[in-house]
Protein backbone atom coordinates (compact mmCIF):
# COMPACT_ATOMS: atom_id res chain seq x y z
CA MET A 1 65.84 19.32 75.11
CA ASN A 2 67.59 18.66 71.73
CA LYS A 3 66.92 15.03 72.13
CA ALA A 4 63.25 15.65 72.77
CA ILE A 5 62.91 17.73 69.89
CA ARG A 6 64.59 15.28 67.13
CA ALA A 7 62.15 12.65 68.36
CA LEU A 8 59.28 14.45 67.66
CA ALA A 9 60.20 15.58 64.47
CA LEU A 10 61.15 12.24 63.45
CA GLY A 11 57.62 11.16 64.67
CA LEU A 12 55.72 13.63 62.55
CA GLY A 13 57.69 11.86 59.39
CA LEU A 14 56.96 8.70 60.50
CA LEU A 15 53.58 9.55 60.21
CA ALA A 16 53.45 11.50 57.81
CA ALA A 17 55.07 8.74 55.18
CA THR A 18 52.55 5.93 56.49
CA ALA A 19 49.42 8.65 56.00
CA SER A 20 51.18 9.43 52.48
CA ALA A 21 51.88 5.51 51.83
CA GLN A 22 47.94 4.75 52.90
CA GLN A 23 47.08 7.55 50.26
CA GLN A 24 49.22 5.99 47.07
CA PRO A 25 46.58 2.90 45.36
CA PRO A 26 48.99 -0.91 45.26
CA ALA A 27 51.33 -1.42 42.48
CA GLY A 28 49.64 -2.71 39.54
CA ALA A 29 46.10 -1.44 40.76
CA ALA A 30 45.98 1.04 38.11
CA ALA A 31 45.58 -1.74 35.47
CA GLY A 32 41.35 -2.29 34.62
CA PRO A 33 38.44 -0.70 34.68
CA GLN A 34 38.09 2.08 37.69
CA GLY A 35 34.78 3.30 39.37
CA ALA A 36 33.33 6.72 38.28
CA ASN A 37 31.14 8.77 39.38
CA ILE A 38 28.61 8.99 36.14
CA PHE A 39 27.40 12.92 36.29
CA GLU A 40 31.42 13.77 37.10
CA VAL A 41 32.33 12.08 33.80
CA THR A 42 29.91 13.72 30.16
CA ARG A 43 28.26 10.93 28.27
CA ASP A 44 30.13 12.12 25.18
CA ASP A 45 33.30 12.43 26.67
CA GLN A 46 34.81 9.39 24.72
CA ALA A 47 37.95 9.32 25.61
CA ALA A 48 37.64 9.90 29.47
CA ARG A 49 35.69 7.12 29.39
CA GLN A 50 37.61 5.02 27.75
CA LYS A 51 40.25 5.52 30.71
CA ILE A 52 37.59 4.33 33.08
CA GLN A 53 35.41 2.22 31.33
CA PRO A 54 37.45 0.62 28.63
CA LEU A 55 35.60 -0.68 24.89
CA ASN A 56 32.47 1.25 26.33
CA ASN A 57 31.54 2.38 23.05
CA ALA A 58 28.14 4.05 23.67
CA PRO A 59 28.63 7.68 22.74
CA VAL A 60 29.82 6.55 19.52
CA TRP A 61 26.35 5.00 18.72
CA ARG A 62 24.59 7.71 20.05
CA ALA A 63 26.26 9.60 17.64
CA VAL A 64 25.40 7.57 15.26
CA ASN A 65 21.82 7.32 16.13
CA SER A 66 20.74 10.30 16.79
CA GLY A 67 19.98 10.86 13.27
CA GLU A 68 22.65 13.92 12.55
CA THR A 69 24.59 14.04 9.34
CA HIS A 70 28.37 13.11 9.74
CA TYR A 71 31.57 13.11 7.36
CA THR A 72 31.48 10.42 4.16
CA THR A 73 32.87 10.55 1.40
CA LEU A 74 29.48 9.94 -0.81
CA PRO A 75 26.95 12.61 0.83
CA ALA A 76 24.25 12.27 -1.52
CA ASN A 77 21.18 10.72 -0.52
CA GLU A 78 21.67 11.17 3.37
CA GLY A 79 25.04 9.12 2.82
CA GLY A 80 25.48 11.04 6.07
CA VAL A 81 23.56 9.49 8.47
CA LEU A 82 24.68 6.12 9.28
CA ILE A 83 21.34 5.21 11.28
CA ASP A 84 17.67 6.88 10.63
CA PRO A 85 16.23 6.52 14.18
CA GLY A 86 13.11 6.95 12.54
CA GLY A 87 13.30 3.27 11.19
CA GLU A 88 11.58 1.82 14.51
CA PRO A 89 8.47 4.16 14.71
CA TRP A 90 8.30 3.16 10.93
CA ARG A 91 8.98 -0.67 11.59
CA GLU A 92 6.31 -0.87 14.41
CA LEU A 93 3.87 0.97 12.81
CA ARG A 94 3.46 -1.38 9.97
CA ASN A 95 3.91 -4.48 11.64
CA GLY A 96 1.02 -3.06 14.53
CA PRO A 97 -1.70 -1.11 12.69
CA MET A 98 -1.20 -1.36 8.44
CA THR A 99 -0.55 -5.14 8.92
CA GLN A 100 -3.19 -6.34 11.83
CA GLY A 101 -5.39 -3.71 11.13
CA GLY A 102 -5.18 -3.93 7.36
CA GLY A 103 -5.36 -7.87 7.11
CA TRP A 104 -8.76 -7.20 9.18
CA PHE A 105 -9.98 -4.50 7.30
CA LEU A 106 -9.59 -6.84 4.33
CA VAL A 107 -10.83 -10.00 5.77
CA GLY A 108 -13.99 -8.17 6.77
CA VAL A 109 -14.39 -6.98 2.80
CA LEU A 110 -14.69 -10.07 1.92
CA ALA A 111 -16.72 -11.27 4.13
CA LEU A 112 -19.61 -8.94 3.94
CA ILE A 113 -18.96 -9.60 0.21
CA ALA A 114 -19.72 -13.36 1.20
CA ALA A 115 -22.50 -12.41 3.40
CA PHE A 116 -24.51 -10.03 0.60
CA TYR A 117 -23.83 -13.04 -2.12
CA LEU A 118 -25.39 -15.53 0.71
CA LEU A 119 -28.24 -13.36 1.58
CA ARG A 120 -28.71 -11.62 -1.99
CA GLY A 121 -27.57 -14.29 -4.39
CA THR A 122 -27.06 -13.44 -8.11
CA ILE A 123 -28.48 -10.56 -9.69
CA ARG A 124 -30.90 -11.90 -12.26
CA LEU A 125 -32.43 -10.56 -15.40
CA SER A 126 -36.38 -9.83 -14.55
CA GLU A 127 -37.64 -10.86 -18.12
CA PRO A 128 -35.90 -13.24 -20.37
CA GLU A 129 -33.20 -12.59 -22.77
CA SER A 130 -34.23 -11.01 -26.32
CA GLY A 131 -31.14 -12.84 -28.26
CA ARG A 132 -30.49 -9.14 -29.45
CA ARG A 133 -27.07 -7.90 -28.85
CA ILE A 134 -25.91 -4.17 -27.99
CA GLU A 135 -21.97 -3.78 -28.23
CA ARG A 136 -20.76 -2.74 -24.74
CA PHE A 137 -16.91 -2.82 -25.32
CA THR A 138 -15.15 -2.43 -28.18
CA VAL A 139 -11.85 -5.22 -28.61
CA VAL A 140 -9.12 -2.12 -27.57
CA GLU A 141 -11.37 -1.20 -24.35
CA ARG A 142 -11.38 -4.90 -23.28
CA ALA A 143 -7.77 -5.05 -24.04
CA ILE A 144 -6.42 -2.66 -22.07
CA HIS A 145 -9.07 -3.10 -19.29
CA TRP A 146 -8.26 -6.88 -18.57
CA THR A 147 -4.02 -5.29 -19.16
CA ASN A 148 -5.17 -3.30 -16.44
CA ALA A 149 -7.10 -6.10 -14.25
CA ALA A 150 -3.85 -8.46 -14.80
CA CYS A 151 -1.49 -5.65 -13.75
CA PHE A 152 -4.05 -4.89 -10.54
CA VAL A 153 -3.97 -8.58 -9.28
CA THR A 154 -0.34 -8.69 -9.95
CA LEU A 155 0.13 -6.14 -7.71
CA ALA A 156 -2.56 -7.09 -5.07
CA ILE A 157 -0.82 -10.60 -4.73
CA THR A 158 2.77 -9.23 -4.56
CA GLY A 159 1.84 -6.79 -2.06
CA LEU A 160 0.17 -9.12 -0.05
CA VAL A 161 2.91 -11.37 -0.38
CA LEU A 162 5.71 -8.68 1.19
CA LEU A 163 2.73 -7.53 3.64
CA PHE A 164 1.96 -10.18 5.35
CA GLY A 165 4.12 -13.08 4.00
CA LYS A 166 6.54 -13.58 7.02
CA HIS A 167 3.06 -14.02 9.30
CA VAL A 168 1.78 -16.20 7.15
CA LEU A 169 3.19 -17.47 4.69
CA LEU A 170 6.53 -18.40 6.05
CA PRO A 171 5.40 -20.66 8.91
CA LEU A 172 3.84 -22.56 6.63
CA PHE A 173 6.40 -23.05 3.86
CA GLY A 174 9.58 -22.20 5.68
CA PRO A 175 12.63 -19.98 4.98
CA VAL A 176 14.19 -20.67 1.67
CA PRO A 177 10.36 -21.10 -0.53
CA PHE A 178 9.17 -18.58 1.35
CA SER A 179 12.54 -16.37 0.49
CA TRP A 180 12.18 -17.47 -3.45
CA LEU A 181 8.73 -16.00 -3.20
CA ALA A 182 8.96 -12.85 -1.73
CA ILE A 183 11.73 -12.15 -4.10
CA MET A 184 9.85 -12.32 -6.92
CA SER A 185 7.01 -10.81 -5.57
CA LYS A 186 8.84 -7.97 -4.92
CA THR A 187 10.70 -8.39 -8.44
CA SER A 188 7.66 -8.29 -10.57
CA HIS A 189 5.59 -5.18 -8.08
CA ASN A 190 8.96 -3.09 -8.72
CA PHE A 191 7.99 -4.31 -12.84
CA VAL A 192 4.64 -4.30 -13.28
CA GLY A 193 3.42 -1.35 -11.02
CA PRO A 194 4.60 1.58 -14.07
CA LEU A 195 2.84 -0.97 -16.67
CA PHE A 196 0.00 -0.87 -14.15
CA ALA A 197 0.43 3.22 -14.01
CA ALA A 198 0.45 3.54 -17.79
CA THR A 199 -2.96 1.52 -18.42
CA THR A 200 -4.42 3.41 -15.58
CA ILE A 201 -3.79 6.53 -17.38
CA ALA A 202 -5.22 5.09 -20.78
CA MET A 203 -8.25 3.78 -18.80
CA PHE A 204 -9.36 7.47 -17.37
CA LEU A 205 -8.89 8.97 -21.21
CA MET A 206 -10.72 5.80 -22.90
CA PHE A 207 -13.85 6.05 -20.13
CA VAL A 208 -14.10 9.72 -18.74
CA LYS A 209 -16.46 11.19 -21.10
CA ASP A 210 -18.98 8.32 -20.17
CA ASN A 211 -18.49 9.18 -16.56
CA ILE A 212 -19.07 12.25 -15.91
CA PRO A 213 -21.45 12.46 -12.61
CA LYS A 214 -24.83 13.56 -13.78
CA ALA A 215 -27.98 14.23 -11.54
CA TYR A 216 -29.52 11.13 -11.68
CA ASP A 217 -26.82 9.80 -10.25
CA LEU A 218 -28.29 11.19 -6.80
CA GLN A 219 -31.11 8.35 -7.37
CA TRP A 220 -28.84 5.56 -8.21
CA PHE A 221 -27.26 6.25 -4.49
CA ALA A 222 -30.65 7.01 -2.79
CA LYS A 223 -31.95 3.47 -3.58
CA ALA A 224 -28.45 2.05 -3.49
CA GLY A 225 -28.67 0.81 -7.09
CA GLY A 226 -31.45 -1.96 -6.61
CA LEU A 227 -28.65 -4.11 -4.98
CA PHE A 228 -30.87 -4.69 -1.92
CA THR A 229 -34.48 -4.95 -3.08
CA LYS A 230 -35.59 -7.83 -6.20
CA GLY A 231 -36.53 -5.85 -9.48
CA GLY A 232 -35.71 -2.62 -8.25
CA HIS A 233 -33.81 -1.33 -11.10
CA VAL A 234 -32.31 1.95 -10.87
CA PRO A 235 -32.17 4.16 -14.72
CA SER A 236 -28.40 5.24 -15.64
CA HIS A 237 -26.35 5.43 -18.71
CA ARG A 238 -23.54 3.83 -20.02
CA PHE A 239 -22.02 3.65 -16.23
CA ASN A 240 -24.75 3.64 -13.44
CA ALA A 241 -22.93 6.09 -10.47
CA GLY A 242 -21.63 2.52 -8.32
CA GLU A 243 -19.77 2.00 -12.01
CA LYS A 244 -18.90 6.00 -11.83
CA MET A 245 -17.75 5.97 -8.04
CA ILE A 246 -15.59 3.05 -8.79
CA PHE A 247 -13.64 5.07 -11.53
CA TRP A 248 -12.92 8.80 -9.92
CA GLY A 249 -12.45 6.88 -6.68
CA GLY A 250 -10.68 4.11 -7.79
CA VAL A 251 -8.94 4.51 -11.16
CA VAL A 252 -8.43 8.23 -10.61
CA LEU A 253 -8.02 8.80 -7.12
CA LEU A 254 -6.47 6.09 -5.44
CA GLY A 255 -4.60 5.13 -8.58
CA ILE A 256 -3.13 8.59 -8.52
CA VAL A 257 -2.01 8.26 -5.04
CA VAL A 258 -0.56 4.76 -5.31
CA GLY A 259 1.61 5.42 -8.67
CA ALA A 260 2.76 8.37 -7.23
CA THR A 261 4.04 6.77 -3.87
CA GLY A 262 4.71 4.14 -6.05
CA PHE A 263 7.17 5.40 -7.82
CA ILE A 264 8.78 7.43 -4.90
CA LEU A 265 9.73 3.85 -4.05
CA ASP A 266 10.17 2.08 -7.17
CA PHE A 267 12.35 4.52 -8.38
CA PRO A 268 14.94 5.79 -4.82
CA ASN A 269 17.60 7.14 -6.82
CA PHE A 270 15.70 10.78 -6.63
CA GLY A 271 16.78 12.89 -3.93
CA GLN A 272 14.34 10.68 -1.50
CA THR A 273 15.16 10.58 1.92
CA ARG A 274 14.48 7.75 4.37
CA SER A 275 11.52 9.84 6.30
CA LEU A 276 9.94 10.82 2.62
CA MET A 277 10.03 7.17 1.46
CA GLN A 278 8.82 6.14 4.52
CA ASP A 279 5.80 8.39 4.34
CA ALA A 280 5.48 7.12 1.18
CA TRP A 281 4.75 3.24 2.35
CA TRP A 282 2.60 3.82 4.63
CA ILE A 283 -0.12 5.95 2.42
CA HIS A 284 0.87 3.39 -0.81
CA VAL A 285 -0.38 0.73 1.59
CA GLY A 286 -3.11 2.43 2.93
CA ALA A 287 -4.33 3.68 0.08
CA ALA A 288 -3.50 -0.08 -1.82
CA MET A 289 -6.13 -1.70 0.81
CA LEU A 290 -9.43 1.03 0.26
CA PHE A 291 -8.27 0.35 -3.40
CA MET A 292 -7.99 -3.81 -3.47
CA ALA A 293 -11.63 -3.56 -0.99
CA MET A 294 -12.88 -1.56 -3.32
CA ILE A 295 -12.26 -3.51 -6.69
CA ALA A 296 -13.57 -7.06 -4.68
CA GLY A 297 -17.09 -5.27 -4.71
CA HIS A 298 -17.06 -4.35 -8.53
CA ILE A 299 -15.18 -8.02 -9.25
CA TYR A 300 -17.84 -9.83 -7.43
CA ILE A 301 -20.62 -7.30 -9.63
CA GLY A 302 -18.74 -7.82 -12.78
CA THR A 303 -18.34 -12.45 -12.16
CA ILE A 304 -21.08 -14.27 -9.73
CA GLY A 305 -22.79 -11.17 -8.78
CA MET A 306 -24.95 -9.93 -11.64
CA GLN A 307 -26.30 -11.65 -14.63
CA GLY A 308 -24.27 -11.26 -17.38
CA ALA A 309 -21.80 -8.32 -16.54
CA LEU A 310 -19.08 -11.04 -17.24
CA ASP A 311 -19.86 -11.35 -21.10
CA ALA A 312 -19.92 -7.05 -21.72
CA MET A 313 -16.01 -7.65 -20.57
CA LYS A 314 -15.74 -10.98 -22.29
CA THR A 315 -17.12 -10.81 -25.65
CA GLY A 316 -17.92 -7.03 -25.48
CA TYR A 317 -21.86 -7.57 -26.31
CA VAL A 318 -25.13 -7.78 -23.73
CA ASP A 319 -28.52 -8.78 -24.47
CA GLU A 320 -30.32 -6.01 -25.21
CA THR A 321 -32.43 -6.78 -22.07
CA TRP A 322 -29.35 -6.62 -19.89
CA ALA A 323 -28.90 -3.35 -21.17
CA LYS A 324 -32.95 -2.03 -20.54
CA GLU A 325 -32.43 -3.57 -17.13
CA HIS A 326 -29.40 -2.45 -16.02
CA HIS A 327 -28.62 0.97 -18.03
CA GLU A 328 -31.93 2.32 -20.03
CA TYR A 329 -30.52 6.01 -20.26
CA TRP A 330 -28.01 4.16 -22.29
CA TYR A 331 -30.30 1.82 -23.77
CA ASP A 332 -33.40 4.61 -24.64
CA ASP A 333 -30.35 6.58 -26.80
CA ILE A 334 -29.32 3.29 -28.41
CA LYS A 335 -33.13 2.44 -29.65
CA ALA A 336 -33.30 6.12 -30.30
CA GLY A 337 -30.61 6.21 -32.85
CA ARG A 338 -28.29 8.47 -30.98
CA ILE A 339 -25.94 5.82 -29.91
CA PRO A 340 -25.06 3.33 -32.62
CA ALA A 341 -25.63 -0.34 -30.80
CA VAL A 342 -22.66 -2.03 -32.50
CA ARG A 343 -19.17 0.42 -32.52
CA SER A 344 -16.38 -1.89 -33.84
CA GLU A 345 -16.75 -1.97 -37.47
CA GLY A 346 -16.55 -5.25 -39.25
CA SER A 347 -18.99 -6.59 -36.40
CA ALA A 348 -19.37 -10.40 -36.83
CA LEU A 349 -22.82 -10.64 -35.10
CA PRO A 350 -25.20 -11.03 -37.96
CA PRO A 351 -28.08 -8.26 -38.91
CA ALA A 352 -30.27 -10.10 -36.66
CA ALA A 353 -28.32 -10.48 -33.61
CA VAL A 354 -28.04 -6.38 -33.49
CA ALA A 355 -30.50 -4.36 -31.35
CA GLN A 356 -31.47 -2.06 -34.12
CA PRO A 357 -32.98 1.27 -33.28
CA ARG A 358 -36.65 1.96 -32.98
CA GLN A 359 -38.92 3.19 -36.13
CA GLY A 360 -40.91 6.26 -36.49
């Protein structure tokens, strides 16, 4: 009986030892990554993850990319945020709607201007020039205008290079030449911007009194300024309704928008957040494209679109016939003696070449 009990106890002991041995991992089996139930290991338990999945730093980069502020010795201007989660949506907006849509918008504007020129041609005077001149712009007015225009063209060209360069110019010129062009464009854009803002303020102060909207401007809009009918001139004063629209909508409104957002982007050391600068960028670019489209029409009318228009800004003078046909109310005030035909002192024009007030 005792022998049977001892044999049974020995058998149970051997069975228990065998089962325990089967549950123990073999020697050296603990080394290397181990499988784990993802529902049992939290996403942010980095210590546990390193035991199961060594070198997997996903929680660290997930926290970095969360947009939360972490510790830094330089906490100013979001210094504790290493990666801005809004950067990728901004990049998609830049390379998508702003670049593609904006590019086709500008192409469409240029196509419309070209089509208008082919159909309408240069708007010419209905009568021969009289040979008598009226001063339209003084030397100071022209200097400010041309300085502002030079700044605008520089900003437009450099802005287009920065926005479309990698899509259009990089494949043509290659990385090195394009990199130099992009660097020069960026530097020029940053330094010319404040000068453009200053000359825009000067233009506002100089021309605002002659750009006050009047009731007769509605007639100009109703007839589209006579642009689509030959000989259909619409009376206006020194500046017509179209010029006033460019002044208030372009120089003033869009000038303020591109100027304010440009300063936010140009001087990022005044506590601006990255989200503020991202918003400022797309507002800046959108307003700049509208501004370029508006000024493209202004440049067209002021050069090949209208006979004698460019002379006003080149020499400061226009012919009496030109003033009568395009700015009749202004011409009437000059002929009535309410406005001098020449405002600059020491004009080089002989008296016979200057328009004179009506007698009687």
